[in-house]
């Protein structure tokens, strides 16, 4: 069984090279996914 050590260093390296494009999501797919927030809403 192959070791996954290569993947543990390759994935972050590729994401670093891609920059903001590593987090790109097509608009049609983004519209279908639920909106999730990790911050509390501000109450005036």
PDB file of N, CA and C in Angstrom:
ATOM      1  N   UNK A   1       0.850  -1.180   0.000  1.00  0.00           N
ATOM      2  CA  UNK A   1       0.000   0.000   0.000  1.00  0.00           C
ATOM      3  C   UNK A   1       0.894   1.240   0.000  1.00  0.00           C
ATOM      4  N   UNK A   2       0.657   2.174  -0.939  1.00  0.00           N
ATOM      5  CA  UNK A   2       1.524   3.353  -1.020  1.00  0.00           C
ATOM      6  C   UNK A   2       1.326   4.306   0.156  1.00  0.00           C
ATOM      7  N   UNK A   3       2.376   4.989   0.501  1.00  0.00           N
ATOM      8  CA  UNK A   3       2.319   5.970   1.578  1.00  0.00           C
ATOM      9  C   UNK A   3       1.628   7.239   1.096  1.00  0.00           C
ATOM     10  N   UNK A   4       0.941   7.932   1.994  1.00  0.00           N
ATOM     11  CA  UNK A   4       0.270   9.173   1.628  1.00  0.00           C
ATOM     12  C   UNK A   4       1.100  10.396   1.997  1.00  0.00           C
ATOM     13  N   UNK A   5       2.362  10.207   2.346  1.00  0.00           N
ATOM     14  CA  UNK A   5       3.213  11.340   2.713  1.00  0.00           C
ATOM     15  C   UNK A   5       3.355  12.324   1.561  1.00  0.00           C
ATOM     16  N   UNK A   6       3.376  11.832   0.333  1.00  0.00           N
ATOM     17  CA  UNK A   6       3.478  12.712  -0.829  1.00  0.00           C
ATOM     18  C   UNK A   6       2.270  13.627  -0.941  1.00  0.00           C
ATOM     19  N   UNK A   7       1.088  13.088  -0.699  1.00  0.00           N
ATOM     20  CA  UNK A   7      -0.136  13.890  -0.777  1.00  0.00           C
ATOM     21  C   UNK A   7      -0.162  14.950   0.321  1.00  0.00           C
ATOM     22  N   UNK A   8       0.398  14.635   1.466  1.00  0.00           N
ATOM     23  CA  UNK A   8       0.386  15.582   2.576  1.00  0.00           C
ATOM     24  C   UNK A   8       1.228  16.814   2.282  1.00  0.00           C
ATOM     25  N   UNK A   9       2.215  16.687   1.435  1.00  0.00           N
ATOM     26  CA  UNK A   9       3.017  17.858   1.076  1.00  0.00           C
ATOM     27  C   UNK A   9       2.628  18.428  -0.279  1.00  0.00           C
ATOM     28  N   UNK A  10       2.074  17.606  -1.169  1.00  0.00           N
ATOM     29  CA  UNK A  10       1.716  18.068  -2.509  1.00  0.00           C
ATOM     30  C   UNK A  10       0.486  18.956  -2.496  1.00  0.00           C
ATOM     31  N   UNK A  11      -0.537  18.584  -1.760  1.00  0.00           N
ATOM     32  CA  UNK A  11      -1.792  19.358  -1.758  1.00  0.00           C
ATOM     33  C   UNK A  11      -1.567  20.790  -1.282  1.00  0.00           C
ATOM     34  N   UNK A  12      -0.932  21.025  -0.140  1.00  0.00           N
ATOM     35  CA  UNK A  12      -0.702  22.420   0.267  1.00  0.00           C
ATOM     36  C   UNK A  12       0.175  23.184  -0.731  1.00  0.00           C
ATOM     37  N   UNK A  13       1.141  22.516  -1.338  1.00  0.00           N
ATOM     38  CA  UNK A  13       2.010  23.178  -2.310  1.00  0.00           C
ATOM     39  C   UNK A  13       1.223  23.615  -3.539  1.00  0.00           C
ATOM     40  N   UNK A  14       0.348  22.758  -4.031  1.00  0.00           N
ATOM     41  CA  UNK A  14      -0.470  23.096  -5.198  1.00  0.00           C
ATOM     42  C   UNK A  14      -1.441  24.220  -4.853  1.00  0.00           C
ATOM     43  N   UNK A  15      -2.038  24.167  -3.666  1.00  0.00           N
ATOM     44  CA  UNK A  15      -2.957  25.225  -3.263  1.00  0.00           C
ATOM     45  C   UNK A  15      -2.228  26.563  -3.144  1.00  0.00           C
ATOM     46  N   UNK A  16      -0.994  26.553  -2.689  1.00  0.00           N
ATOM     47  CA  UNK A  16      -0.193  27.774  -2.594  1.00  0.00           C
ATOM     48  C   UNK A  16       0.074  28.330  -3.988  1.00  0.00           C
ATOM     49  N   UNK A  17       0.383  27.459  -4.941  1.00  0.00           N
ATOM     50  CA  UNK A  17       0.661  27.908  -6.308  1.00  0.00           C
ATOM     51  C   UNK A  17      -0.596  28.464  -6.981  1.00  0.00           C
ATOM     52  N   UNK A  18      -1.751  27.858  -6.713  1.00  0.00           N
ATOM     53  CA  UNK A  18      -2.992  28.302  -7.337  1.00  0.00           C
ATOM     54  C   UNK A  18      -3.523  29.598  -6.740  1.00  0.00           C
ATOM     55  N   UNK A  19      -3.149  29.881  -5.501  1.00  0.00           N
ATOM     56  CA  UNK A  19      -3.597  31.115  -4.853  1.00  0.00           C
ATOM     57  C   UNK A  19      -5.110  31.141  -4.722  1.00  0.00           C
ATOM     58  N   UNK A  20      -5.723  32.280  -5.101  1.00  0.00           N
ATOM     59  CA  UNK A  20      -7.178  32.413  -4.945  1.00  0.00           C
ATOM     60  C   UNK A  20      -7.941  31.429  -5.819  1.00  0.00           C
ATOM     61  N   UNK A  21      -7.323  30.955  -6.894  1.00  0.00           N
ATOM     62  CA  UNK A  21      -8.003  30.007  -7.788  1.00  0.00           C
ATOM     63  C   UNK A  21      -8.188  28.649  -7.141  1.00  0.00           C
ATOM     64  N   UNK A  22      -7.471  28.367  -6.053  1.00  0.00           N
ATOM     65  CA  UNK A  22      -7.644  27.096  -5.352  1.00  0.00           C
ATOM     66  C   UNK A  22      -9.024  27.031  -4.706  1.00  0.00           C
ATOM     67  N   UNK A  23      -9.652  28.197  -4.487  1.00  0.00           N
ATOM     68  CA  UNK A  23     -10.942  28.268  -3.814  1.00  0.00           C
ATOM     69  C   UNK A  23     -12.068  28.650  -4.758  1.00  0.00           C
ATOM     70  N   UNK A  24     -11.826  28.639  -6.078  1.00  0.00           N
ATOM     71  CA  UNK A  24     -12.825  29.014  -7.063  1.00  0.00           C
ATOM     72  C   UNK A  24     -13.948  27.993  -7.101  1.00  0.00           C
ATOM     73  N   UNK A  25     -15.180  28.465  -7.249  1.00  0.00           N
ATOM     74  CA  UNK A  25     -16.351  27.603  -7.330  1.00  0.00           C
ATOM     75  C   UNK A  25     -17.236  28.136  -8.448  1.00  0.00           C
ATOM     76  N   UNK A  26     -17.631  27.286  -9.406  1.00  0.00           N
ATOM     77  CA  UNK A  26     -18.493  27.762 -10.494  1.00  0.00           C
ATOM     78  C   UNK A  26     -19.795  28.347  -9.949  1.00  0.00           C
ATOM     79  N   UNK A  27     -20.251  29.448 -10.543  1.00  0.00           N
ATOM     80  CA  UNK A  27     -21.448  30.149 -10.071  1.00  0.00           C
ATOM     81  C   UNK A  27     -22.684  29.248  -9.995  1.00  0.00           C
ATOM     82  N   UNK A  28     -22.967  28.404 -11.003  1.00  0.00           N
ATOM     83  CA  UNK A  28     -24.164  27.551 -10.890  1.00  0.00           C
ATOM     84  C   UNK A  28     -24.099  26.614  -9.674  1.00  0.00           C
ATOM     85  N   UNK A  29     -22.916  26.100  -9.379  1.00  0.00           N
ATOM     86  CA  UNK A  29     -22.768  25.227  -8.220  1.00  0.00           C
ATOM     87  C   UNK A  29     -22.887  26.041  -6.928  1.00  0.00           C
ATOM     88  N   UNK A  30     -22.324  27.227  -6.903  1.00  0.00           N
ATOM     89  CA  UNK A  30     -22.396  28.086  -5.717  1.00  0.00           C
ATOM     90  C   UNK A  30     -23.841  28.437  -5.381  1.00  0.00           C
ATOM     91  N   UNK A  31     -24.681  28.637  -6.414  1.00  0.00           N
ATOM     92  CA  UNK A  31     -26.089  28.963  -6.167  1.00  0.00           C
ATOM     93  C   UNK A  31     -26.846  27.785  -5.566  1.00  0.00           C
ATOM     94  N   UNK A  32     -26.426  26.563  -5.862  1.00  0.00           N
ATOM     95  CA  UNK A  32     -27.120  25.374  -5.361  1.00  0.00           C
ATOM     96  C   UNK A  32     -26.704  24.991  -3.936  1.00  0.00           C
ATOM     97  N   UNK A  33     -25.512  25.409  -3.528  1.00  0.00           N
ATOM     98  CA  UNK A  33     -25.028  25.065  -2.196  1.00  0.00           C
ATOM     99  C   UNK A  33     -25.620  26.005  -1.154  1.00  0.00           C
ATOM    100  N   UNK A  34     -25.858  25.527   0.069  1.00  0.00           N
ATOM    101  CA  UNK A  34     -26.390  26.410   1.115  1.00  0.00           C
ATOM    102  C   UNK A  34     -25.347  27.444   1.540  1.00  0.00           C
ATOM    103  N   UNK A  35     -25.822  28.596   1.952  1.00  0.00           N
ATOM    104  CA  UNK A  35     -24.936  29.653   2.461  1.00  0.00           C
ATOM    105  C   UNK A  35     -24.586  29.328   3.914  1.00  0.00           C
ATOM    106  N   UNK A  36     -23.303  29.287   4.213  1.00  0.00           N
ATOM    107  CA  UNK A  36     -22.840  28.946   5.557  1.00  0.00           C
ATOM    108  C   UNK A  36     -21.957  30.079   6.066  1.00  0.00           C
ATOM    109  N   UNK A  37     -22.192  30.508   7.284  1.00  0.00           N
ATOM    110  CA  UNK A  37     -21.387  31.557   7.894  1.00  0.00           C
ATOM    111  C   UNK A  37     -20.748  31.022   9.173  1.00  0.00           C
ATOM    112  N   UNK A  38     -19.491  31.365   9.390  1.00  0.00           N
ATOM    113  CA  UNK A  38     -18.823  30.913  10.611  1.00  0.00           C
ATOM    114  C   UNK A  38     -18.742  32.041  11.636  1.00  0.00           C
ATOM    115  N   UNK A  39     -19.256  33.218  11.255  1.00  0.00           N
ATOM    116  CA  UNK A  39     -19.239  34.350  12.169  1.00  0.00           C
ATOM    117  C   UNK A  39     -20.656  34.635  12.659  1.00  0.00           C
ATOM    118  N   UNK A  40     -20.756  35.160  13.865  1.00  0.00           N
ATOM    119  CA  UNK A  40     -22.056  35.540  14.400  1.00  0.00           C
ATOM    120  C   UNK A  40     -22.582  36.772  13.682  1.00  0.00           C
ATOM    121  N   UNK A  41     -23.875  36.805  13.410  1.00  0.00           N
ATOM    122  CA  UNK A  41     -24.427  38.028  12.815  1.00  0.00           C
ATOM    123  C   UNK A  41     -24.385  39.169  13.826  1.00  0.00           C
ATOM    124  N   UNK A  42     -24.119  40.371  13.333  1.00  0.00           N
ATOM    125  CA  UNK A  42     -24.073  41.545  14.218  1.00  0.00           C
ATOM    126  C   UNK A  42     -25.495  42.026  14.469  1.00  0.00           C
ATOM    127  N   UNK A  43     -25.805  42.265  15.737  1.00  0.00           N
ATOM    128  CA  UNK A  43     -27.116  42.797  16.114  1.00  0.00           C
ATOM    129  C   UNK A  43     -26.916  44.219  16.602  1.00  0.00           C
ATOM    130  N   UNK A  44     -27.445  45.188  15.797  1.00  0.00           N
ATOM    131  CA  UNK A  44     -27.276  46.588  15.975  1.00  0.00           C
ATOM    132  C   UNK A  44     -27.383  47.200  17.266  1.00  0.00           C
TER     133      UNK A  44
END
